[in-house]
Amino acid sequence: MKKFMFLVLLGIGIWSGCSKDSTTSSYTPTCDGTVKSYKNNVAPIIQSACAGCHQNYSSYSNLFASRNSVRSAIVSGNMPRSGSLTTAQKDAIACWVDNGAPNN
């Protein structure tokens, strides 16, 4: 029984150590009115910071389908789990989504 409890606690420790704190971020995107381009602004960020874990976001159609949850996860600071995005990168994705997530 002690071995089982140890393994359960070890598993919980490992799981909680691999996830980011889910506290709400005070970050608010700043959109300067410039329309962000999927091809030039968003896709390179997704490719470098997200596609390692979320290969399905490598296509515009899959990213578009999940755009609101992606925006929420980025603005809250919950994603990416390893590393972080700059304010400019967060703004690019959030503002692109807020502008209707065009395929431009």
PDB file of N, CA and C in Angstrom:
ATOM      1  N   MET A   1       0.822  -1.189   0.000  1.00  0.00           N
ATOM      2  CA  MET A   1       0.000   0.000   0.000  1.00  0.00           C
ATOM      3  C   MET A   1       0.875   1.265   0.000  1.00  0.00           C
ATOM      4  N   LYS A   2       1.976   1.242   0.778  1.00  0.00           N
ATOM      5  CA  LYS A   2       2.867   2.393   0.814  1.00  0.00           C
ATOM      6  C   LYS A   2       3.486   2.648  -0.554  1.00  0.00           C
ATOM      7  N   LYS A   3       3.823   1.569  -1.236  1.00  0.00           N
ATOM      8  CA  LYS A   3       4.421   1.696  -2.570  1.00  0.00           C
ATOM      9  C   LYS A   3       3.422   2.338  -3.540  1.00  0.00           C
ATOM     10  N   PHE A   4       2.166   1.923  -3.444  1.00  0.00           N
ATOM     11  CA  PHE A   4       1.120   2.464  -4.302  1.00  0.00           C
ATOM     12  C   PHE A   4       0.939   3.963  -4.049  1.00  0.00           C
ATOM     13  N   MET A   5       0.871   4.361  -2.777  1.00  0.00           N
ATOM     14  CA  MET A   5       0.695   5.779  -2.444  1.00  0.00           C
ATOM     15  C   MET A   5       1.891   6.598  -2.917  1.00  0.00           C
ATOM     16  N   PHE A   6       3.092   6.036  -2.791  1.00  0.00           N
ATOM     17  CA  PHE A   6       4.286   6.717  -3.264  1.00  0.00           C
ATOM     18  C   PHE A   6       4.201   6.963  -4.758  1.00  0.00           C
ATOM     19  N   LEU A   7       3.791   5.932  -5.497  1.00  0.00           N
ATOM     20  CA  LEU A   7       3.689   6.066  -6.950  1.00  0.00           C
ATOM     21  C   LEU A   7       2.621   7.089  -7.347  1.00  0.00           C
ATOM     22  N   VAL A   8       1.510   7.106  -6.630  1.00  0.00           N
ATOM     23  CA  VAL A   8       0.449   8.076  -6.912  1.00  0.00           C
ATOM     24  C   VAL A   8       0.959   9.490  -6.657  1.00  0.00           C
ATOM     25  N   LEU A   9       1.605   9.704  -5.525  1.00  0.00           N
ATOM     26  CA  LEU A   9       2.132  11.033  -5.206  1.00  0.00           C
ATOM     27  C   LEU A   9       3.232  11.451  -6.171  1.00  0.00           C
ATOM     28  N   LEU A  10       4.076  10.509  -6.570  1.00  0.00           N
ATOM     29  CA  LEU A  10       5.113  10.794  -7.546  1.00  0.00           C
ATOM     30  C   LEU A  10       4.492  11.213  -8.878  1.00  0.00           C
ATOM     31  N   GLY A  11       3.477  10.493  -9.304  1.00  0.00           N
ATOM     32  CA  GLY A  11       2.785  10.828 -10.552  1.00  0.00           C
ATOM     33  C   GLY A  11       2.148  12.207 -10.506  1.00  0.00           C
ATOM     34  N   ILE A  12       1.528  12.541  -9.390  1.00  0.00           N
ATOM     35  CA  ILE A  12       0.916  13.870  -9.242  1.00  0.00           C
ATOM     36  C   ILE A  12       1.993  14.949  -9.266  1.00  0.00           C
ATOM     37  N   GLY A  13       3.106  14.698  -8.602  1.00  0.00           N
ATOM     38  CA  GLY A  13       4.203  15.665  -8.592  1.00  0.00           C
ATOM     39  C   GLY A  13       4.765  15.906  -9.970  1.00  0.00           C
ATOM     40  N   ILE A  14       4.951  14.839 -10.720  1.00  0.00           N
ATOM     41  CA  ILE A  14       5.474  14.972 -12.085  1.00  0.00           C
ATOM     42  C   ILE A  14       4.483  15.712 -12.959  1.00  0.00           C
ATOM     43  N   TRP A  15       3.221  15.354 -12.876  1.00  0.00           N
ATOM     44  CA  TRP A  15       2.189  15.990 -13.691  1.00  0.00           C
ATOM     45  C   TRP A  15       2.089  17.481 -13.384  1.00  0.00           C
ATOM     46  N   SER A  16       2.064  17.833 -12.106  1.00  0.00           N
ATOM     47  CA  SER A  16       1.924  19.253 -11.761  1.00  0.00           C
ATOM     48  C   SER A  16       3.190  20.044 -12.085  1.00  0.00           C
ATOM     49  N   GLY A  17       4.338  19.389 -12.082  1.00  0.00           N
ATOM     50  CA  GLY A  17       5.580  20.060 -12.417  1.00  0.00           C
ATOM     51  C   GLY A  17       5.712  20.359 -13.893  1.00  0.00           C
ATOM     52  N   CYS A  18       4.970  19.684 -14.735  1.00  0.00           N
ATOM     53  CA  CYS A  18       5.065  19.863 -16.181  1.00  0.00           C
ATOM     54  C   CYS A  18       4.048  20.853 -16.724  1.00  0.00           C
ATOM     55  N   SER A  19       3.168  21.328 -15.897  1.00  0.00           N
ATOM     56  CA  SER A  19       2.162  22.257 -16.399  1.00  0.00           C
ATOM     57  C   SER A  19       2.426  23.647 -15.833  1.00  0.00           C
ATOM     58  N   LYS A  20       1.998  24.638 -16.594  1.00  0.00           N
ATOM     59  CA  LYS A  20       2.159  26.016 -16.139  1.00  0.00           C
ATOM     60  C   LYS A  20       1.092  26.335 -15.113  1.00  0.00           C
ATOM     61  N   ASP A  21       1.385  27.316 -14.302  1.00  0.00           N
ATOM     62  CA  ASP A  21       0.422  27.817 -13.344  1.00  0.00           C
ATOM     63  C   ASP A  21      -0.758  28.388 -14.115  1.00  0.00           C
ATOM     64  N   SER A  22      -1.959  28.046 -13.709  1.00  0.00           N
ATOM     65  CA  SER A  22      -3.140  28.465 -14.464  1.00  0.00           C
ATOM     66  C   SER A  22      -3.735  29.768 -13.940  1.00  0.00           C
ATOM     67  N   THR A  23      -2.960  30.553 -13.229  1.00  0.00           N
ATOM     68  CA  THR A  23      -3.475  31.831 -12.763  1.00  0.00           C
ATOM     69  C   THR A  23      -3.716  32.750 -13.954  1.00  0.00           C
ATOM     70  N   THR A  24      -4.659  33.613 -13.804  1.00  0.00           N
ATOM     71  CA  THR A  24      -5.011  34.529 -14.878  1.00  0.00           C
ATOM     72  C   THR A  24      -3.942  35.602 -15.026  1.00  0.00           C
ATOM     73  N   SER A  25      -3.548  35.829 -16.235  1.00  0.00           N
ATOM     74  CA  SER A  25      -2.537  36.833 -16.539  1.00  0.00           C
ATOM     75  C   SER A  25      -3.179  38.205 -16.594  1.00  0.00           C
ATOM     76  N   SER A  26      -2.393  39.228 -16.301  1.00  0.00           N
ATOM     77  CA  SER A  26      -2.899  40.592 -16.399  1.00  0.00           C
ATOM     78  C   SER A  26      -2.600  41.190 -17.777  1.00  0.00           C
ATOM     79  N   TYR A  27      -2.097  40.371 -18.685  1.00  0.00           N
ATOM     80  CA  TYR A  27      -1.739  40.819 -20.036  1.00  0.00           C
ATOM     81  C   TYR A  27      -2.989  41.163 -20.838  1.00  0.00           C
ATOM     82  N   THR A  28      -2.959  42.296 -21.493  1.00  0.00           N
ATOM     83  CA  THR A  28      -4.023  42.717 -22.401  1.00  0.00           C
ATOM     84  C   THR A  28      -3.378  43.045 -23.739  1.00  0.00           C
ATOM     85  N   PRO A  29      -3.829  42.384 -24.826  1.00  0.00           N
ATOM     86  CA  PRO A  29      -3.242  42.652 -26.141  1.00  0.00           C
ATOM     87  C   PRO A  29      -3.430  44.104 -26.566  1.00  0.00           C
ATOM     88  N   THR A  30      -2.436  44.601 -27.281  1.00  0.00           N
ATOM     89  CA  THR A  30      -2.492  45.950 -27.831  1.00  0.00           C
ATOM     90  C   THR A  30      -2.462  45.851 -29.347  1.00  0.00           C
ATOM     91  N   CYS A  31      -3.574  46.188 -29.959  1.00  0.00           N
ATOM     92  CA  CYS A  31      -3.661  46.155 -31.420  1.00  0.00           C
ATOM     93  C   CYS A  31      -3.561  47.589 -31.929  1.00  0.00           C
ATOM     94  N   ASP A  32      -2.588  47.824 -32.778  1.00  0.00           N
ATOM     95  CA  ASP A  32      -2.337  49.185 -33.258  1.00  0.00           C
ATOM     96  C   ASP A  32      -3.102  49.539 -34.526  1.00  0.00           C
ATOM     97  N   GLY A  33      -4.003  48.670 -34.942  1.00  0.00           N
ATOM     98  CA  GLY A  33      -4.776  48.938 -36.148  1.00  0.00           C
ATOM     99  C   GLY A  33      -4.186  48.313 -37.396  1.00  0.00           C
ATOM    100  N   THR A  34      -2.950  47.835 -37.309  1.00  0.00           N
ATOM    101  CA  THR A  34      -2.317  47.168 -38.441  1.00  0.00           C
ATOM    102  C   THR A  34      -2.868  45.752 -38.541  1.00  0.00           C
ATOM    103  N   VAL A  35      -3.397  45.393 -39.696  1.00  0.00           N
ATOM    104  CA  VAL A  35      -3.935  44.052 -39.890  1.00  0.00           C
ATOM    105  C   VAL A  35      -2.775  43.068 -39.935  1.00  0.00           C
ATOM    106  N   LYS A  36      -2.838  42.076 -39.053  1.00  0.00           N
ATOM    107  CA  LYS A  36      -1.788  41.063 -39.002  1.00  0.00           C
ATOM    108  C   LYS A  36      -2.030  40.028 -40.084  1.00  0.00           C
ATOM    109  N   SER A  37      -0.956  39.570 -40.671  1.00  0.00           N
ATOM    110  CA  SER A  37      -1.002  38.594 -41.748  1.00  0.00           C
ATOM    111  C   SER A  37      -0.787  37.195 -41.191  1.00  0.00           C
ATOM    112  N   TYR A  38      -1.637  36.267 -41.614  1.00  0.00           N
ATOM    113  CA  TYR A  38      -1.433  34.877 -41.206  1.00  0.00           C
ATOM    114  C   TYR A  38      -0.073  34.395 -41.693  1.00  0.00           C
ATOM    115  N   LYS A  39       0.194  34.600 -42.975  1.00  0.00           N
ATOM    116  CA  LYS A  39       1.417  34.082 -43.588  1.00  0.00           C
ATOM    117  C   LYS A  39       2.677  34.728 -43.003  1.00  0.00           C
ATOM    118  N   ASN A  40       2.668  36.031 -42.844  1.00  0.00           N
ATOM    119  CA  ASN A  40       3.880  36.750 -42.431  1.00  0.00           C
ATOM    120  C   ASN A  40       4.036  36.919 -40.925  1.00  0.00           C
ATOM    121  N   ASN A  41       2.925  37.016 -40.197  1.00  0.00           N
ATOM    122  CA  ASN A  41       3.010  37.295 -38.769  1.00  0.00           C
ATOM    123  C   ASN A  41       2.687  36.091 -37.886  1.00  0.00           C
ATOM    124  N   VAL A  42       1.604  35.396 -38.185  1.00  0.00           N
ATOM    125  CA  VAL A  42       1.107  34.355 -37.291  1.00  0.00           C
ATOM    126  C   VAL A  42       1.749  32.990 -37.553  1.00  0.00           C
ATOM    127  N   ALA A  43       1.767  32.548 -38.790  1.00  0.00           N
ATOM    128  CA  ALA A  43       2.296  31.215 -39.108  1.00  0.00           C
ATOM    129  C   ALA A  43       3.726  31.003 -38.605  1.00  0.00           C
ATOM    130  N   PRO A  44       4.632  31.978 -38.752  1.00  0.00           N
ATOM    131  CA  PRO A  44       5.989  31.750 -38.238  1.00  0.00           C
ATOM    132  C   PRO A  44       6.037  31.557 -36.714  1.00  0.00           C
ATOM    133  N   ILE A  45       5.175  32.256 -35.984  1.00  0.00           N
ATOM    134  CA  ILE A  45       5.128  32.092 -34.525  1.00  0.00           C
ATOM    135  C   ILE A  45       4.594  30.713 -34.177  1.00  0.00           C
ATOM    136  N   ILE A  46       3.518  30.331 -34.834  1.00  0.00           N
ATOM    137  CA  ILE A  46       2.926  29.015 -34.580  1.00  0.00           C
ATOM    138  C   ILE A  46       3.930  27.920 -34.897  1.00  0.00           C
ATOM    139  N   GLN A  47       4.630  28.061 -36.005  1.00  0.00           N
ATOM    140  CA  GLN A  47       5.612  27.049 -36.409  1.00  0.00           C
ATOM    141  C   GLN A  47       6.736  26.926 -35.382  1.00  0.00           C
ATOM    142  N   SER A  48       7.226  28.044 -34.896  1.00  0.00           N
ATOM    143  CA  SER A  48       8.377  27.989 -33.985  1.00  0.00           C
ATOM    144  C   SER A  48       8.001  27.692 -32.538  1.00  0.00           C
ATOM    145  N   ALA A  49       6.838  28.136 -32.076  1.00  0.00           N
ATOM    146  CA  ALA A  49       6.507  28.014 -30.660  1.00  0.00           C
ATOM    147  C   ALA A  49       5.415  26.998 -30.337  1.00  0.00           C
ATOM    148  N   CYS A  50       4.640  26.579 -31.333  1.00  0.00           N
ATOM    149  CA  CYS A  50       3.472  25.750 -31.032  1.00  0.00           C
ATOM    150  C   CYS A  50       3.458  24.392 -31.740  1.00  0.00           C
ATOM    151  N   ALA A  51       3.946  24.375 -32.973  1.00  0.00           N
ATOM    152  CA  ALA A  51       3.794  23.175 -33.811  1.00  0.00           C
ATOM    153  C   ALA A  51       4.552  21.965 -33.284  1.00  0.00           C
ATOM    154  N   GLY A  52       5.519  22.168 -32.402  1.00  0.00           N
ATOM    155  CA  GLY A  52       6.215  21.030 -31.820  1.00  0.00           C
ATOM    156  C   GLY A  52       5.267  20.124 -31.059  1.00  0.00           C
ATOM    157  N   CYS A  53       4.287  20.711 -30.381  1.00  0.00           N
ATOM    158  CA  CYS A  53       3.279  19.941 -29.634  1.00  0.00           C
ATOM    159  C   CYS A  53       1.935  19.896 -30.366  1.00  0.00           C
ATOM    160  N   HIS A  54       1.658  20.915 -31.150  1.00  0.00           N
ATOM    161  CA  HIS A  54       0.363  21.038 -31.831  1.00  0.00           C
ATOM    162  C   HIS A  54       0.580  21.033 -33.348  1.00  0.00           C
ATOM    163  N   GLN A  55       0.958  19.892 -33.884  1.00  0.00           N
ATOM    164  CA  GLN A  55       1.235  19.791 -35.319  1.00  0.00           C
ATOM    165  C   GLN A  55       0.016  20.171 -36.153  1.00  0.00           C
ATOM    166  N   ASN A  56      -1.170  19.939 -35.614  1.00  0.00           N
ATOM    167  CA  ASN A  56      -2.387  20.261 -36.368  1.00  0.00           C
ATOM    168  C   ASN A  56      -2.530  21.759 -36.620  1.00  0.00           C
ATOM    169  N   TYR A  57      -1.853  22.615 -35.837  1.00  0.00           N
ATOM    170  CA  TYR A  57      -1.939  24.051 -36.049  1.00  0.00           C
ATOM    171  C   TYR A  57      -1.033  24.530 -37.172  1.00  0.00           C
ATOM    172  N   SER A  58      -0.325  23.607 -37.805  1.00  0.00           N
ATOM    173  CA  SER A  58       0.520  23.980 -38.938  1.00  0.00           C
ATOM    174  C   SER A  58      -0.313  24.327 -40.164  1.00  0.00           C
ATOM    175  N   SER A  59      -1.581  23.939 -40.167  1.00  0.00           N
ATOM    176  CA  SER A  59      -2.443  24.293 -41.303  1.00  0.00           C
ATOM    177  C   SER A  59      -3.379  25.432 -40.891  1.00  0.00           C
ATOM    178  N   TYR A  60      -3.607  26.330 -41.815  1.00  0.00           N
ATOM    179  CA  TYR A  60      -4.483  27.471 -41.552  1.00  0.00           C
ATOM    180  C   TYR A  60      -5.862  27.013 -41.095  1.00  0.00           C
ATOM    181  N   SER A  61      -6.443  26.039 -41.780  1.00  0.00           N
ATOM    182  CA  SER A  61      -7.819  25.640 -41.466  1.00  0.00           C
ATOM    183  C   SER A  61      -7.950  25.095 -40.044  1.00  0.00           C
ATOM    184  N   ASN A  62      -6.973  24.337 -39.579  1.00  0.00           N
ATOM    185  CA  ASN A  62      -7.031  23.818 -38.213  1.00  0.00           C
ATOM    186  C   ASN A  62      -6.831  24.927 -37.183  1.00  0.00           C
ATOM    187  N   LEU A  63      -5.921  25.826 -37.471  1.00  0.00           N
ATOM    188  CA  LEU A  63      -5.701  26.944 -36.555  1.00  0.00           C
ATOM    189  C   LEU A  63      -6.938  27.840 -36.519  1.00  0.00           C
ATOM    190  N   PHE A  64      -7.522  28.090 -37.679  1.00  0.00           N
ATOM    191  CA  PHE A  64      -8.721  28.917 -37.745  1.00  0.00           C
ATOM    192  C   PHE A  64      -9.845  28.301 -36.911  1.00  0.00           C
ATOM    193  N   ALA A  65     -10.015  26.994 -36.990  1.00  0.00           N
ATOM    194  CA  ALA A  65     -11.077  26.315 -36.245  1.00  0.00           C
ATOM    195  C   ALA A  65     -10.880  26.434 -34.731  1.00  0.00           C
ATOM    196  N   SER A  66      -9.635  26.574 -34.301  1.00  0.00           N
ATOM    197  CA  SER A  66      -9.318  26.650 -32.864  1.00  0.00           C
ATOM    198  C   SER A  66      -8.879  28.048 -32.431  1.00  0.00           C
ATOM    199  N   ARG A  67      -9.090  29.030 -33.279  1.00  0.00           N
ATOM    200  CA  ARG A  67      -8.518  30.362 -33.058  1.00  0.00           C
ATOM    201  C   ARG A  67      -8.867  30.965 -31.700  1.00  0.00           C
ATOM    202  N   ASN A  68     -10.102  30.816 -31.249  1.00  0.00           N
ATOM    203  CA  ASN A  68     -10.491  31.443 -29.986  1.00  0.00           C
ATOM    204  C   ASN A  68      -9.828  30.767 -28.789  1.00  0.00           C
ATOM    205  N   SER A  69      -9.720  29.455 -28.811  1.00  0.00           N
ATOM    206  CA  SER A  69      -9.054  28.767 -27.701  1.00  0.00           C
ATOM    207  C   SER A  69      -7.554  29.020 -27.732  1.00  0.00           C
ATOM    208  N   VAL A  70      -6.975  29.134 -28.925  1.00  0.00           N
ATOM    209  CA  VAL A  70      -5.554  29.456 -29.039  1.00  0.00           C
ATOM    210  C   VAL A  70      -5.314  30.855 -28.472  1.00  0.00           C
ATOM    211  N   ARG A  71      -6.145  31.808 -28.858  1.00  0.00           N
ATOM    212  CA  ARG A  71      -6.005  33.177 -28.357  1.00  0.00           C
ATOM    213  C   ARG A  71      -6.093  33.203 -26.837  1.00  0.00           C
ATOM    214  N   SER A  72      -7.085  32.522 -26.300  1.00  0.00           N
ATOM    215  CA  SER A  72      -7.278  32.493 -24.857  1.00  0.00           C
ATOM    216  C   SER A  72      -6.072  31.895 -24.128  1.00  0.00           C
ATOM    217  N   ALA A  73      -5.546  30.794 -24.654  1.00  0.00           N
ATOM    218  CA  ALA A  73      -4.400  30.129 -24.017  1.00  0.00           C
ATOM    219  C   ALA A  73      -3.151  30.999 -24.072  1.00  0.00           C
ATOM    220  N   ILE A  74      -2.985  31.734 -25.145  1.00  0.00           N
ATOM    221  CA  ILE A  74      -1.806  32.592 -25.281  1.00  0.00           C
ATOM    222  C   ILE A  74      -1.929  33.828 -24.398  1.00  0.00           C
ATOM    223  N   VAL A  75      -3.092  34.468 -24.409  1.00  0.00           N
ATOM    224  CA  VAL A  75      -3.296  35.670 -23.608  1.00  0.00           C
ATOM    225  C   VAL A  75      -3.213  35.351 -22.113  1.00  0.00           C
ATOM    226  N   SER A  76      -3.723  34.197 -21.705  1.00  0.00           N
ATOM    227  CA  SER A  76      -3.690  33.817 -20.290  1.00  0.00           C
ATOM    228  C   SER A  76      -2.292  33.431 -19.827  1.00  0.00           C
ATOM    229  N   GLY A  77      -1.412  33.132 -20.779  1.00  0.00           N
ATOM    230  CA  GLY A  77      -0.064  32.705 -20.433  1.00  0.00           C
ATOM    231  C   GLY A  77       0.068  31.207 -20.244  1.00  0.00           C
ATOM    232  N   ASN A  78      -1.012  30.454 -20.480  1.00  0.00           N
ATOM    233  CA  ASN A  78      -0.964  29.000 -20.330  1.00  0.00           C
ATOM    234  C   ASN A  78      -0.216  28.314 -21.464  1.00  0.00           C
ATOM    235  N   MET A  79      -0.076  28.978 -22.575  1.00  0.00           N
ATOM    236  CA  MET A  79       0.668  28.426 -23.702  1.00  0.00           C
ATOM    237  C   MET A  79       1.645  29.470 -24.203  1.00  0.00           C
ATOM    238  N   PRO A  80       2.734  29.086 -24.732  1.00  0.00           N
ATOM    239  CA  PRO A  80       3.244  27.724 -24.810  1.00  0.00           C
ATOM    240  C   PRO A  80       3.743  27.241 -23.447  1.00  0.00           C
ATOM    241  N   ARG A  81       3.644  25.938 -23.240  1.00  0.00           N
ATOM    242  CA  ARG A  81       4.037  25.357 -21.944  1.00  0.00           C
ATOM    243  C   ARG A  81       5.533  25.413 -21.723  1.00  0.00           C
ATOM    244  N   SER A  82       6.287  25.256 -22.766  1.00  0.00           N
ATOM    245  CA  SER A  82       7.742  25.376 -22.614  1.00  0.00           C
ATOM    246  C   SER A  82       8.163  26.686 -23.256  1.00  0.00           C
ATOM    247  N   GLY A  83       8.703  27.574 -22.467  1.00  0.00           N
ATOM    248  CA  GLY A  83       9.092  28.877 -22.984  1.00  0.00           C
ATOM    249  C   GLY A  83       7.954  29.867 -22.903  1.00  0.00           C
ATOM    250  N   SER A  84       8.129  30.957 -23.589  1.00  0.00           N
ATOM    251  CA  SER A  84       7.095  31.985 -23.597  1.00  0.00           C
ATOM    252  C   SER A  84       7.183  32.777 -24.889  1.00  0.00           C
ATOM    253  N   LEU A  85       6.153  33.528 -25.134  1.00  0.00           N
ATOM    254  CA  LEU A  85       6.113  34.390 -26.311  1.00  0.00           C
ATOM    255  C   LEU A  85       6.403  35.824 -25.887  1.00  0.00           C
ATOM    256  N   THR A  86       6.952  36.591 -26.799  1.00  0.00           N
ATOM    257  CA  THR A  86       7.156  38.008 -26.535  1.00  0.00           C
ATOM    258  C   THR A  86       5.800  38.709 -26.585  1.00  0.00           C
ATOM    259  N   THR A  87       5.766  39.904 -26.077  1.00  0.00           N
ATOM    260  CA  THR A  87       4.534  40.694 -26.139  1.00  0.00           C
ATOM    261  C   THR A  87       4.118  40.919 -27.585  1.00  0.00           C
ATOM    262  N   ALA A  88       5.082  41.176 -28.455  1.00  0.00           N
ATOM    263  CA  ALA A  88       4.770  41.390 -29.882  1.00  0.00           C
ATOM    264  C   ALA A  88       4.172  40.125 -30.505  1.00  0.00           C
ATOM    265  N   GLN A  89       4.680  38.966 -30.134  1.00  0.00           N
ATOM    266  CA  GLN A  89       4.136  37.712 -30.670  1.00  0.00           C
ATOM    267  C   GLN A  89       2.720  37.464 -30.156  1.00  0.00           C
ATOM    268  N   LYS A  90       2.503  37.709 -28.872  1.00  0.00           N
ATOM    269  CA  LYS A  90       1.157  37.556 -28.308  1.00  0.00           C
ATOM    270  C   LYS A  90       0.189  38.514 -28.991  1.00  0.00           C
ATOM    271  N   ASP A  91       0.632  39.762 -29.157  1.00  0.00           N
ATOM    272  CA  ASP A  91      -0.209  40.762 -29.824  1.00  0.00           C
ATOM    273  C   ASP A  91      -0.544  40.341 -31.246  1.00  0.00           C
ATOM    274  N   ALA A  92       0.448  39.823 -31.966  1.00  0.00           N
ATOM    275  CA  ALA A  92       0.215  39.424 -33.360  1.00  0.00           C
ATOM    276  C   ALA A  92      -0.884  38.380 -33.454  1.00  0.00           C
ATOM    277  N   ILE A  93      -0.825  37.366 -32.609  1.00  0.00           N
ATOM    278  CA  ILE A  93      -1.834  36.299 -32.669  1.00  0.00           C
ATOM    279  C   ILE A  93      -3.187  36.803 -32.184  1.00  0.00           C
ATOM    280  N   ALA A  94      -3.206  37.494 -31.043  1.00  0.00           N
ATOM    281  CA  ALA A  94      -4.483  37.982 -30.502  1.00  0.00           C
ATOM    282  C   ALA A  94      -5.152  38.966 -31.452  1.00  0.00           C
ATOM    283  N   CYS A  95      -4.385  39.878 -32.004  1.00  0.00           N
ATOM    284  CA  CYS A  95      -4.960  40.878 -32.913  1.00  0.00           C
ATOM    285  C   CYS A  95      -5.413  40.251 -34.225  1.00  0.00           C
ATOM    286  N   TRP A  96      -4.687  39.238 -34.683  1.00  0.00           N
ATOM    287  CA  TRP A  96      -5.095  38.509 -35.884  1.00  0.00           C
ATOM    288  C   TRP A  96      -6.444  37.843 -35.655  1.00  0.00           C
ATOM    289  N   VAL A  97      -6.604  37.193 -34.507  1.00  0.00           N
ATOM    290  CA  VAL A  97      -7.881  36.558 -34.184  1.00  0.00           C
ATOM    291  C   VAL A  97      -8.970  37.612 -34.049  1.00  0.00           C
ATOM    292  N   ASP A  98      -8.682  38.704 -33.330  1.00  0.00           N
ATOM    293  CA  ASP A  98      -9.670  39.767 -33.133  1.00  0.00           C
ATOM    294  C   ASP A  98     -10.105  40.409 -34.446  1.00  0.00           C
ATOM    295  N   ASN A  99      -9.266  40.318 -35.473  1.00  0.00           N
ATOM    296  CA  ASN A  99      -9.580  40.885 -36.786  1.00  0.00           C
ATOM    297  C   ASN A  99     -10.274  39.862 -37.705  1.00  0.00           C
ATOM    298  N   GLY A 100     -10.683  38.728 -37.143  1.00  0.00           N
ATOM    299  CA  GLY A 100     -11.400  37.734 -37.935  1.00  0.00           C
ATOM    300  C   GLY A 100     -10.536  36.603 -38.440  1.00  0.00           C
ATOM    301  N   ALA A 101      -9.264  36.571 -38.042  1.00  0.00           N
ATOM    302  CA  ALA A 101      -8.320  35.519 -38.430  1.00  0.00           C
ATOM    303  C   ALA A 101      -8.294  35.282 -39.943  1.00  0.00           C
ATOM    304  N   PRO A 102      -8.011  36.341 -40.721  1.00  0.00           N
ATOM    305  CA  PRO A 102      -8.016  36.197 -42.177  1.00  0.00           C
ATOM    306  C   PRO A 102      -6.860  35.332 -42.686  1.00  0.00           C
ATOM    307  N   ASN A 103      -7.084  34.684 -43.796  1.00  0.00           N
ATOM    308  CA  ASN A 103      -6.043  33.864 -44.434  1.00  0.00           C
ATOM    309  C   ASN A 103      -5.315  34.749 -45.440  1.00  0.00           C
ATOM    310  N   ASN A 104      -4.502  35.632 -44.919  1.00  0.00           N
ATOM    311  CA  ASN A 104      -3.820  36.604 -45.778  1.00  0.00           C
ATOM    312  C   ASN A 104      -2.311  36.459 -45.682  1.00  0.00           C
TER     313      ASN A 104
END
